[in-house]
């Protein structure tokens, strides 16, 4: 699978300047445009009403509560930057490099959903097993505080952001491209696996 995945790096347009422009565009969308909602949300807190100590605490801890803002909305605004950066990466990959989006995720002709489900069940089972083990050994460390109005938006955020921009951008896009440029498939297979 790894060779098949890295061999796909040879498809599409692979000139060096496309990577420079693509990196610039992704960083522009991710860092500038993606974090504009965070700045707008921060402006809604009316920063002139806060002391220097409160602003320092926010900057050190990213503590929206200290500014009187909803922490879930703050998290949503932060993650929105990653969503916009990921969308920029997909657009660059598809239109600037002329590569099919499927090749960014798998080396096969289709996504192998049985394998995806198997991994989700395996990791989910392991996480639940470890959680129950911790509950049995130290139940005083946990408190039941379920609130559906806060849980459901966070669950949606987790589901939507399972693949991060780092995984897609660095591990897949750039290392596979490195394999194309250097033709060292074994090295790239190990780097992608890291």
C-alpha atoms as a PDB file:
ATOM      1  CA  UNK A   1       0.000   0.000   0.000  1.00  0.00           C
ATOM      2  CA  UNK A   2       2.770   2.423   0.884  1.00  0.00           C
ATOM      3  CA  UNK A   3       4.483   2.084  -2.492  1.00  0.00           C
ATOM      4  CA  UNK A   4       1.130   2.470  -4.226  1.00  0.00           C
ATOM      5  CA  UNK A   5       0.412   5.589  -2.179  1.00  0.00           C
ATOM      6  CA  UNK A   6       3.829   7.113  -2.858  1.00  0.00           C
ATOM      7  CA  UNK A   7       3.715   6.164  -6.537  1.00  0.00           C
ATOM      8  CA  UNK A   8       0.631   8.354  -6.871  1.00  0.00           C
ATOM      9  CA  UNK A   9       2.845  11.360  -6.139  1.00  0.00           C
ATOM     10  CA  UNK A  10       4.034  11.100  -9.736  1.00  0.00           C
ATOM     11  CA  UNK A  11       0.559  11.888 -11.041  1.00  0.00           C
ATOM     12  CA  UNK A  12      -0.551  15.429 -11.745  1.00  0.00           C
ATOM     13  CA  UNK A  13       1.526  18.605 -11.930  1.00  0.00           C
ATOM     14  CA  UNK A  14       4.645  18.502  -9.734  1.00  0.00           C
ATOM     15  CA  UNK A  15       6.765  21.532 -10.598  1.00  0.00           C
ATOM     16  CA  UNK A  16       8.568  23.053  -7.623  1.00  0.00           C
ATOM     17  CA  UNK A  17       6.847  26.422  -7.999  1.00  0.00           C
ATOM     18  CA  UNK A  18       3.453  24.766  -7.532  1.00  0.00           C
ATOM     19  CA  UNK A  19       4.550  23.643  -4.075  1.00  0.00           C
ATOM     20  CA  UNK A  20       5.762  27.136  -3.202  1.00  0.00           C
ATOM     21  CA  UNK A  21       2.521  28.776  -4.342  1.00  0.00           C
ATOM     22  CA  UNK A  22       0.428  26.014  -2.747  1.00  0.00           C
ATOM     23  CA  UNK A  23       2.206  26.338   0.587  1.00  0.00           C
ATOM     24  CA  UNK A  24       1.768  30.103   0.517  1.00  0.00           C
ATOM     25  CA  UNK A  25      -1.954  29.809  -0.282  1.00  0.00           C
ATOM     26  CA  UNK A  26      -2.601  27.191   2.396  1.00  0.00           C
ATOM     27  CA  UNK A  27      -0.753  29.241   5.028  1.00  0.00           C
ATOM     28  CA  UNK A  28      -2.589  32.399   3.950  1.00  0.00           C
ATOM     29  CA  UNK A  29      -5.990  30.744   4.270  1.00  0.00           C
ATOM     30  CA  UNK A  30      -5.052  28.866   7.454  1.00  0.00           C
ATOM     31  CA  UNK A  31      -3.314  31.635   9.402  1.00  0.00           C
ATOM     32  CA  UNK A  32      -4.937  34.820   8.093  1.00  0.00           C
ATOM     33  CA  UNK A  33      -8.395  34.104   6.737  1.00  0.00           C
ATOM     34  CA  UNK A  34      -9.003  31.088   8.982  1.00  0.00           C
ATOM     35  CA  UNK A  35      -8.439  32.994  12.190  1.00  0.00           C
ATOM     36  CA  UNK A  36     -10.462  36.075  11.301  1.00  0.00           C
ATOM     37  CA  UNK A  37     -13.545  34.550  12.992  1.00  0.00           C
ATOM     38  CA  UNK A  38     -11.510  34.193  16.202  1.00  0.00           C
ATOM     39  CA  UNK A  39     -10.578  37.873  16.061  1.00  0.00           C
ATOM     40  CA  UNK A  40     -14.182  38.872  15.394  1.00  0.00           C
ATOM     41  CA  UNK A  41     -15.313  36.721  18.311  1.00  0.00           C
ATOM     42  CA  UNK A  42     -12.669  38.304  20.541  1.00  0.00           C
ATOM     43  CA  UNK A  43     -13.842  41.768  19.489  1.00  0.00           C
ATOM     44  CA  UNK A  44     -17.333  40.842  20.659  1.00  0.00           C
ATOM     45  CA  UNK A  45     -15.870  40.665  24.181  1.00  0.00           C
ATOM     46  CA  UNK A  46     -15.175  44.416  24.037  1.00  0.00           C
ATOM     47  CA  UNK A  47     -11.492  44.282  25.061  1.00  0.00           C
ATOM     48  CA  UNK A  48     -11.484  47.822  26.470  1.00  0.00           C
ATOM     49  CA  UNK A  49     -13.452  46.537  29.488  1.00  0.00           C
ATOM     50  CA  UNK A  50     -10.719  44.138  30.604  1.00  0.00           C
ATOM     51  CA  UNK A  51      -7.641  44.704  32.701  1.00  0.00           C
ATOM     52  CA  UNK A  52      -4.149  43.895  31.540  1.00  0.00           C
ATOM     53  CA  UNK A  53      -4.086  40.914  33.914  1.00  0.00           C
ATOM     54  CA  UNK A  54      -7.254  39.453  32.357  1.00  0.00           C
ATOM     55  CA  UNK A  55      -5.818  39.862  28.829  1.00  0.00           C
ATOM     56  CA  UNK A  56      -2.535  38.286  29.917  1.00  0.00           C
ATOM     57  CA  UNK A  57      -4.413  35.318  31.428  1.00  0.00           C
ATOM     58  CA  UNK A  58      -6.328  34.855  28.184  1.00  0.00           C
ATOM     59  CA  UNK A  59      -3.173  35.034  26.060  1.00  0.00           C
ATOM     60  CA  UNK A  60      -1.313  32.534  28.238  1.00  0.00           C
ATOM     61  CA  UNK A  61      -4.174  30.053  28.728  1.00  0.00           C
ATOM     62  CA  UNK A  62      -6.507  30.833  25.790  1.00  0.00           C
ATOM     63  CA  UNK A  63      -9.157  31.092  28.480  1.00  0.00           C
ATOM     64  CA  UNK A  64     -12.326  32.450  26.914  1.00  0.00           C
ATOM     65  CA  UNK A  65     -14.171  32.211  30.224  1.00  0.00           C
ATOM     66  CA  UNK A  66     -11.873  34.852  31.746  1.00  0.00           C
ATOM     67  CA  UNK A  67     -13.188  37.230  29.072  1.00  0.00           C
ATOM     68  CA  UNK A  68     -16.808  36.254  29.633  1.00  0.00           C
ATOM     69  CA  UNK A  69     -17.023  34.303  26.362  1.00  0.00           C
ATOM     70  CA  UNK A  70     -18.371  30.801  25.820  1.00  0.00           C
ATOM     71  CA  UNK A  71     -15.481  28.322  25.728  1.00  0.00           C
ATOM     72  CA  UNK A  72     -17.220  25.976  23.275  1.00  0.00           C
ATOM     73  CA  UNK A  73     -17.828  28.830  20.848  1.00  0.00           C
ATOM     74  CA  UNK A  74     -14.169  29.837  21.258  1.00  0.00           C
ATOM     75  CA  UNK A  75     -13.066  26.282  20.461  1.00  0.00           C
ATOM     76  CA  UNK A  76     -15.360  26.234  17.444  1.00  0.00           C
ATOM     77  CA  UNK A  77     -13.863  29.499  16.183  1.00  0.00           C
ATOM     78  CA  UNK A  78     -10.315  28.148  16.635  1.00  0.00           C
ATOM     79  CA  UNK A  79     -11.088  24.920  14.808  1.00  0.00           C
ATOM     80  CA  UNK A  80     -12.748  26.875  12.011  1.00  0.00           C
ATOM     81  CA  UNK A  81      -9.246  28.083  11.079  1.00  0.00           C
ATOM     82  CA  UNK A  82      -8.165  24.476  10.614  1.00  0.00           C
ATOM     83  CA  UNK A  83     -11.259  23.714   8.529  1.00  0.00           C
ATOM     84  CA  UNK A  84     -10.529  26.670   6.242  1.00  0.00           C
ATOM     85  CA  UNK A  85      -6.863  25.628   5.995  1.00  0.00           C
ATOM     86  CA  UNK A  86      -7.883  22.082   5.115  1.00  0.00           C
ATOM     87  CA  UNK A  87     -10.283  23.356   2.449  1.00  0.00           C
ATOM     88  CA  UNK A  88      -7.441  25.439   0.998  1.00  0.00           C
ATOM     89  CA  UNK A  89      -5.186  22.374   0.976  1.00  0.00           C
ATOM     90  CA  UNK A  90      -7.813  20.327  -0.864  1.00  0.00           C
ATOM     91  CA  UNK A  91      -8.338  23.106  -3.419  1.00  0.00           C
ATOM     92  CA  UNK A  92      -4.576  23.459  -3.993  1.00  0.00           C
ATOM     93  CA  UNK A  93      -4.178  19.693  -4.317  1.00  0.00           C
ATOM     94  CA  UNK A  94      -7.074  19.344  -6.748  1.00  0.00           C
ATOM     95  CA  UNK A  95      -6.734  22.417  -8.932  1.00  0.00           C
ATOM     96  CA  UNK A  96      -3.117  23.593  -8.694  1.00  0.00           C
ATOM     97  CA  UNK A  97      -1.563  20.115  -8.762  1.00  0.00           C
ATOM     98  CA  UNK A  98      -4.332  18.521 -10.870  1.00  0.00           C
ATOM     99  CA  UNK A  99      -4.524  15.434  -8.636  1.00  0.00           C
ATOM    100  CA  UNK A 100      -7.627  13.505  -7.563  1.00  0.00           C
ATOM    101  CA  UNK A 101      -8.584  14.129  -3.924  1.00  0.00           C
ATOM    102  CA  UNK A 102      -8.884  10.403  -3.264  1.00  0.00           C
ATOM    103  CA  UNK A 103      -5.121  10.054  -3.724  1.00  0.00           C
ATOM    104  CA  UNK A 104      -4.597  12.309  -0.734  1.00  0.00           C
ATOM    105  CA  UNK A 105      -6.298   9.758   1.517  1.00  0.00           C
ATOM    106  CA  UNK A 106      -5.503   6.323   0.143  1.00  0.00           C
ATOM    107  CA  UNK A 107      -3.329   4.447  -2.301  1.00  0.00           C
ATOM    108  CA  UNK A 108      -6.276   2.416  -3.532  1.00  0.00           C
ATOM    109  CA  UNK A 109      -8.982   3.230  -6.059  1.00  0.00           C
ATOM    110  CA  UNK A 110     -11.561   3.677  -3.308  1.00  0.00           C
ATOM    111  CA  UNK A 111     -11.606   4.190   0.443  1.00  0.00           C
ATOM    112  CA  UNK A 112     -11.625   0.829   2.207  1.00  0.00           C
ATOM    113  CA  UNK A 113     -14.482   1.452   4.634  1.00  0.00           C
ATOM    114  CA  UNK A 114     -14.234  -1.942   6.340  1.00  0.00           C
ATOM    115  CA  UNK A 115     -10.685  -1.104   7.337  1.00  0.00           C
ATOM    116  CA  UNK A 116     -11.722   2.370   8.550  1.00  0.00           C
ATOM    117  CA  UNK A 117     -14.541   0.887  10.640  1.00  0.00           C
ATOM    118  CA  UNK A 118     -12.264  -1.794  12.049  1.00  0.00           C
ATOM    119  CA  UNK A 119      -9.748   0.811  13.208  1.00  0.00           C
ATOM    120  CA  UNK A 120     -12.498   2.994  14.699  1.00  0.00           C
ATOM    121  CA  UNK A 121     -13.904   0.042  16.642  1.00  0.00           C
ATOM    122  CA  UNK A 122     -10.441  -1.089  17.762  1.00  0.00           C
ATOM    123  CA  UNK A 123      -9.357   2.356  18.994  1.00  0.00           C
ATOM    124  CA  UNK A 124     -12.782   3.077  20.499  1.00  0.00           C
ATOM    125  CA  UNK A 125     -12.706  -0.221  22.397  1.00  0.00           C
ATOM    126  CA  UNK A 126      -9.202   0.450  23.665  1.00  0.00           C
ATOM    127  CA  UNK A 127     -10.155   3.974  24.804  1.00  0.00           C
ATOM    128  CA  UNK A 128     -13.279   2.696  26.576  1.00  0.00           C
ATOM    129  CA  UNK A 129     -11.306  -0.103  28.240  1.00  0.00           C
ATOM    130  CA  UNK A 130      -8.721   2.382  29.527  1.00  0.00           C
ATOM    131  CA  UNK A 131     -11.459   4.777  30.676  1.00  0.00           C
ATOM    132  CA  UNK A 132     -13.268   2.062  32.631  1.00  0.00           C
ATOM    133  CA  UNK A 133      -9.947   0.973  34.128  1.00  0.00           C
ATOM    134  CA  UNK A 134      -9.322   4.515  35.325  1.00  0.00           C
ATOM    135  CA  UNK A 135     -12.885   4.779  36.652  1.00  0.00           C
ATOM    136  CA  UNK A 136     -12.373   1.617  38.695  1.00  0.00           C
ATOM    137  CA  UNK A 137      -8.987   2.637  40.089  1.00  0.00           C
ATOM    138  CA  UNK A 138      -9.701   6.304  40.841  1.00  0.00           C
ATOM    139  CA  UNK A 139     -13.393   7.209  40.602  1.00  0.00           C
ATOM    140  CA  UNK A 140     -12.848  10.405  42.601  1.00  0.00           C
ATOM    141  CA  UNK A 141     -11.079  11.932  39.593  1.00  0.00           C
ATOM    142  CA  UNK A 142     -14.290  11.921  37.539  1.00  0.00           C
ATOM    143  CA  UNK A 143     -17.603  13.732  37.818  1.00  0.00           C
ATOM    144  CA  UNK A 144     -20.693  13.198  35.639  1.00  0.00           C
ATOM    145  CA  UNK A 145     -21.560  16.536  34.011  1.00  0.00           C
ATOM    146  CA  UNK A 146     -23.427  15.634  30.840  1.00  0.00           C
ATOM    147  CA  UNK A 147     -25.105  18.548  29.054  1.00  0.00           C
ATOM    148  CA  UNK A 148     -26.404  17.647  25.586  1.00  0.00           C
ATOM    149  CA  UNK A 149     -26.394  21.269  24.401  1.00  0.00           C
ATOM    150  CA  UNK A 150     -22.627  21.420  24.965  1.00  0.00           C
ATOM    151  CA  UNK A 151     -21.796  17.809  24.126  1.00  0.00           C
ATOM    152  CA  UNK A 152     -23.394  17.570  20.672  1.00  0.00           C
ATOM    153  CA  UNK A 153     -21.518  20.556  19.148  1.00  0.00           C
ATOM    154  CA  UNK A 154     -18.224  19.212  20.527  1.00  0.00           C
ATOM    155  CA  UNK A 155     -19.033  15.750  19.168  1.00  0.00           C
ATOM    156  CA  UNK A 156     -19.676  17.235  15.729  1.00  0.00           C
ATOM    157  CA  UNK A 157     -16.388  19.131  15.911  1.00  0.00           C
ATOM    158  CA  UNK A 158     -14.540  15.917  16.785  1.00  0.00           C
ATOM    159  CA  UNK A 159     -16.176  13.982  13.963  1.00  0.00           C
ATOM    160  CA  UNK A 160     -15.520  16.698  11.388  1.00  0.00           C
ATOM    161  CA  UNK A 161     -11.906  17.245  12.410  1.00  0.00           C
ATOM    162  CA  UNK A 162     -10.732  13.619  12.692  1.00  0.00           C
ATOM    163  CA  UNK A 163      -8.227  14.255   9.948  1.00  0.00           C
ATOM    164  CA  UNK A 164      -6.235  17.316  10.813  1.00  0.00           C
ATOM    165  CA  UNK A 165      -4.549  19.712   8.434  1.00  0.00           C
ATOM    166  CA  UNK A 166      -1.223  18.466   9.795  1.00  0.00           C
ATOM    167  CA  UNK A 167      -1.954  14.871   8.830  1.00  0.00           C
ATOM    168  CA  UNK A 168      -3.124  15.777   5.348  1.00  0.00           C
ATOM    169  CA  UNK A 169      -0.722  18.606   4.674  1.00  0.00           C
ATOM    170  CA  UNK A 170       2.552  17.420   6.123  1.00  0.00           C
ATOM    171  CA  UNK A 171       2.439  13.657   6.307  1.00  0.00           C
ATOM    172  CA  UNK A 172       0.577  12.960   3.105  1.00  0.00           C
ATOM    173  CA  UNK A 173       0.947  15.844   0.715  1.00  0.00           C
ATOM    174  CA  UNK A 174       4.526  16.961   1.269  1.00  0.00           C
ATOM    175  CA  UNK A 175       6.142  13.613   2.090  1.00  0.00           C
ATOM    176  CA  UNK A 176       4.524  11.942  -0.904  1.00  0.00           C
ATOM    177  CA  UNK A 177       5.775  14.842  -2.989  1.00  0.00           C
ATOM    178  CA  UNK A 178       9.230  14.360  -1.504  1.00  0.00           C
ATOM    179  CA  UNK A 179       9.057  10.748  -2.667  1.00  0.00           C
ATOM    180  CA  UNK A 180       8.351  11.970  -6.176  1.00  0.00           C
ATOM    181  CA  UNK A 181      11.237  14.436  -6.147  1.00  0.00           C
ATOM    182  CA  UNK A 182      13.842  12.180  -4.530  1.00  0.00           C
ATOM    183  CA  UNK A 183      12.633   8.746  -5.697  1.00  0.00           C
ATOM    184  CA  UNK A 184      13.585   7.301  -2.303  1.00  0.00           C
ATOM    185  CA  UNK A 185      10.446   5.324  -1.583  1.00  0.00           C
ATOM    186  CA  UNK A 186      11.775   3.443   1.447  1.00  0.00           C
ATOM    187  CA  UNK A 187      12.800   6.641   3.263  1.00  0.00           C
ATOM    188  CA  UNK A 188       9.487   8.311   2.471  1.00  0.00           C
ATOM    189  CA  UNK A 189       7.513   5.278   3.606  1.00  0.00           C
ATOM    190  CA  UNK A 190       9.165   5.561   7.002  1.00  0.00           C
ATOM    191  CA  UNK A 191       8.661   9.329   7.169  1.00  0.00           C
ATOM    192  CA  UNK A 192       4.963   9.009   6.280  1.00  0.00           C
ATOM    193  CA  UNK A 193       4.580   6.315   8.950  1.00  0.00           C
ATOM    194  CA  UNK A 194       6.003   8.618  11.612  1.00  0.00           C
END
